[in-house]
């Protein structure tokens, strides 16, 4: 079976991209089962599987051992699943912040404007890290590499930036509340 994987990987690399479908057919069900177990939802698993397969196709040239295609694909799928879970957590956190700001102010706030204002007020280093992380959707490792910073510095900078943003957003909400009360 691994010889067949090697054959199809090499065919794809030799300019026969249609042969990738054989690899997809062979591993799609196992990939879906693996991701459904990790993500707890078939729809989310299908999205993650599709993303993993696209990434595998476009990065096939980086595969060192063509006969290890499936384990390589599972590694990609793991990263995609973790990214998906992390993105969902971020969305939940943003919703919690929005809800708490609306509850504290009693009014509907333009969160995009409030957040953009708060980000704009951050010192340059903090602003760069926040923008790369959430708008550029880079991992902490990629940010560290891009900014030539140690990983620990990036995570500490993110943590401090969050604290600054919370403070700024709370101050904006309080200001809005006082204006509404007048």
Protein backbone atom coordinates (compact mmCIF):
# COMPACT_ATOMS: atom_id res chain seq x y z
CA UNK A 1 0.00 0.00 0.00
CA UNK A 2 2.79 2.48 0.84
CA UNK A 3 4.41 1.76 -2.53
CA UNK A 4 1.17 2.86 -4.16
CA UNK A 5 1.21 6.06 -2.11
CA UNK A 6 4.77 6.68 -3.22
CA UNK A 7 3.78 6.06 -6.83
CA UNK A 8 0.89 8.56 -6.74
CA UNK A 9 2.89 11.19 -4.84
CA UNK A 10 5.68 10.95 -7.39
CA UNK A 11 3.16 11.13 -10.25
CA UNK A 12 1.69 14.31 -8.78
CA UNK A 13 5.15 15.80 -8.40
CA UNK A 14 5.98 14.81 -11.99
CA UNK A 15 3.14 16.90 -13.38
CA UNK A 16 0.11 14.62 -13.08
CA UNK A 17 -2.00 16.46 -10.48
CA UNK A 18 -5.13 14.46 -11.33
CA UNK A 19 -3.54 11.42 -9.66
CA UNK A 20 -3.99 13.11 -6.28
CA UNK A 21 -7.62 11.97 -6.38
CA UNK A 22 -6.45 8.38 -5.77
CA UNK A 23 -4.82 9.43 -2.53
CA UNK A 24 -7.94 11.38 -1.55
CA UNK A 25 -10.18 8.37 -2.20
CA UNK A 26 -7.89 6.08 -0.26
CA UNK A 27 -7.65 8.20 2.89
CA UNK A 28 -10.69 10.45 2.97
CA UNK A 29 -12.82 8.19 5.18
CA UNK A 30 -10.03 7.60 7.71
CA UNK A 31 -9.19 11.30 7.71
CA UNK A 32 -12.83 12.24 8.33
CA UNK A 33 -13.13 9.72 11.16
CA UNK A 34 -9.96 11.04 12.79
CA UNK A 35 -11.07 14.68 12.51
CA UNK A 36 -14.65 13.96 13.62
CA UNK A 37 -13.21 12.42 16.77
CA UNK A 38 -11.05 15.48 17.40
CA UNK A 39 -13.63 18.11 16.50
CA UNK A 40 -16.80 16.35 17.63
CA UNK A 41 -18.80 17.36 14.58
CA UNK A 42 -19.01 15.90 11.08
CA UNK A 43 -19.45 19.26 9.32
CA UNK A 44 -16.43 20.73 11.05
CA UNK A 45 -14.50 17.54 10.29
CA UNK A 46 -15.39 17.77 6.60
CA UNK A 47 -14.19 21.38 6.45
CA UNK A 48 -10.96 20.46 8.22
CA UNK A 49 -10.41 17.41 6.00
CA UNK A 50 -10.86 19.48 2.87
CA UNK A 51 -8.41 22.09 4.16
CA UNK A 52 -5.89 19.39 5.11
CA UNK A 53 -6.11 17.81 1.68
CA UNK A 54 -5.65 21.16 -0.07
CA UNK A 55 -2.61 21.92 2.08
CA UNK A 56 -1.20 18.46 1.40
CA UNK A 57 -1.64 18.90 -2.33
CA UNK A 58 0.06 22.29 -2.44
CA UNK A 59 2.87 21.24 -0.10
CA UNK A 60 3.54 17.80 -1.55
CA UNK A 61 6.99 18.94 -2.66
CA UNK A 62 7.92 19.22 1.04
CA UNK A 63 7.06 15.57 1.73
CA UNK A 64 10.40 13.89 2.43
CA UNK A 65 9.16 10.29 2.44
CA UNK A 66 6.50 9.74 -0.23
CA UNK A 67 5.75 6.30 1.22
CA UNK A 68 4.69 8.05 4.49
CA UNK A 69 1.98 10.14 2.85
CA UNK A 70 -0.82 9.15 5.24
CA UNK A 71 1.08 9.91 8.46
CA UNK A 72 2.17 13.23 6.92
CA UNK A 73 -1.47 13.97 6.00
CA UNK A 74 -2.57 13.16 9.56
CA UNK A 75 -0.02 15.66 10.87
CA UNK A 76 -1.42 18.33 8.58
CA UNK A 77 -4.96 17.43 9.66
CA UNK A 78 -3.94 17.74 13.32
CA UNK A 79 -2.65 21.27 12.72
CA UNK A 80 -5.80 22.22 10.82
CA UNK A 81 -8.00 20.87 13.64
CA UNK A 82 -6.02 22.79 16.26
CA UNK A 83 -6.27 25.98 14.19
CA UNK A 84 -10.02 25.48 13.83
CA UNK A 85 -10.48 24.93 17.58
CA UNK A 86 -8.30 27.95 18.35
CA UNK A 87 -10.27 30.14 15.92
CA UNK A 88 -13.55 29.05 17.52
CA UNK A 89 -12.17 29.87 20.97
CA UNK A 90 -11.12 33.30 19.76
CA UNK A 91 -14.58 33.93 18.31
CA UNK A 92 -16.19 32.89 21.62
CA UNK A 93 -13.83 35.18 23.54
CA UNK A 94 -14.63 38.08 21.23
CA UNK A 95 -18.34 37.45 21.71
CA UNK A 96 -17.93 37.39 25.50
CA UNK A 97 -16.04 40.70 25.40
CA UNK A 98 -18.72 42.23 23.17
CA UNK A 99 -21.51 40.98 25.42
CA UNK A 100 -19.85 42.24 28.59
CA UNK A 101 -19.20 45.64 27.03
CA UNK A 102 -22.81 45.92 25.88
CA UNK A 103 -24.10 44.84 29.29
CA UNK A 104 -21.87 47.31 31.12
CA UNK A 105 -22.75 50.21 28.84
CA UNK A 106 -26.38 49.32 28.25
CA UNK A 107 -26.01 50.37 24.62
CA UNK A 108 -25.10 48.73 21.33
CA UNK A 109 -21.45 49.50 20.67
CA UNK A 110 -19.68 49.41 17.35
CA UNK A 111 -17.20 46.76 18.38
CA UNK A 112 -15.14 47.04 15.24
CA UNK A 113 -14.63 50.75 15.81
CA UNK A 114 -13.95 50.33 19.52
CA UNK A 115 -11.50 47.52 18.93
CA UNK A 116 -9.74 49.32 16.09
CA UNK A 117 -9.39 52.42 18.23
CA UNK A 118 -7.97 50.37 21.10
CA UNK A 119 -5.51 48.60 18.78
CA UNK A 120 -4.45 51.91 17.25
CA UNK A 121 -3.59 53.22 20.71
CA UNK A 122 -1.27 50.29 21.50
CA UNK A 123 2.50 50.83 21.41
CA UNK A 124 4.02 49.74 18.08
CA UNK A 125 5.40 46.35 19.20
CA UNK A 126 2.11 45.33 20.82
CA UNK A 127 0.12 46.54 17.82
CA UNK A 128 2.32 44.56 15.40
CA UNK A 129 1.92 41.33 17.35
CA UNK A 130 -1.87 41.73 17.72
CA UNK A 131 -2.32 42.55 14.03
CA UNK A 132 -0.18 39.62 12.89
CA UNK A 133 -1.94 37.23 15.29
CA UNK A 134 -5.59 38.09 14.70
CA UNK A 135 -5.84 39.91 11.44
CA UNK A 136 -2.94 38.12 9.74
CA UNK A 137 -3.89 34.85 11.48
CA UNK A 138 -0.25 33.90 12.07
CA UNK A 139 0.76 31.44 14.76
CA UNK A 140 2.95 32.67 17.61
CA UNK A 141 5.85 30.74 16.06
CA UNK A 142 5.41 32.53 12.72
CA UNK A 143 5.19 35.90 14.46
CA UNK A 144 8.38 35.17 16.37
CA UNK A 145 10.10 34.21 13.14
CA UNK A 146 8.78 37.20 11.22
CA UNK A 147 9.67 39.74 13.91
CA UNK A 148 12.91 37.98 14.91
CA UNK A 149 11.71 37.66 18.49
CA UNK A 150 11.92 34.74 20.91
CA UNK A 151 8.64 32.82 21.15
CA UNK A 152 8.32 33.65 24.86
CA UNK A 153 8.58 37.35 24.08
CA UNK A 154 5.77 37.04 21.54
CA UNK A 155 3.45 35.26 23.97
CA UNK A 156 4.27 37.73 26.76
CA UNK A 157 3.69 40.66 24.40
CA UNK A 158 0.32 39.18 23.38
CA UNK A 159 -0.67 38.74 27.01
CA UNK A 160 0.21 42.34 27.83
CA UNK A 161 -1.53 43.59 24.69
CA UNK A 162 -4.71 41.74 25.73
CA UNK A 163 -4.60 43.43 29.12
CA UNK A 164 -4.12 46.84 27.48
CA UNK A 165 -6.98 46.19 25.06
CA UNK A 166 -9.32 45.10 27.87
CA UNK A 167 -8.50 48.24 29.82
CA UNK A 168 -8.99 50.47 26.78
CA UNK A 169 -12.26 48.80 25.77
CA UNK A 170 -13.59 49.04 29.32
CA UNK A 171 -12.68 52.73 29.43
CA UNK A 172 -14.42 53.29 26.08
CA UNK A 173 -17.51 51.48 27.39
CA UNK A 174 -17.53 53.58 30.56
CA UNK A 175 -17.22 56.75 28.50
CA UNK A 176 -20.15 55.64 26.33
CA UNK A 177 -22.17 54.86 29.47
CA UNK A 178 -21.53 58.31 30.92
CA UNK A 179 -22.51 59.98 27.65
CA UNK A 180 -25.76 57.99 27.54
CA UNK A 181 -26.57 58.93 31.16
CA UNK A 182 -26.18 62.67 30.46
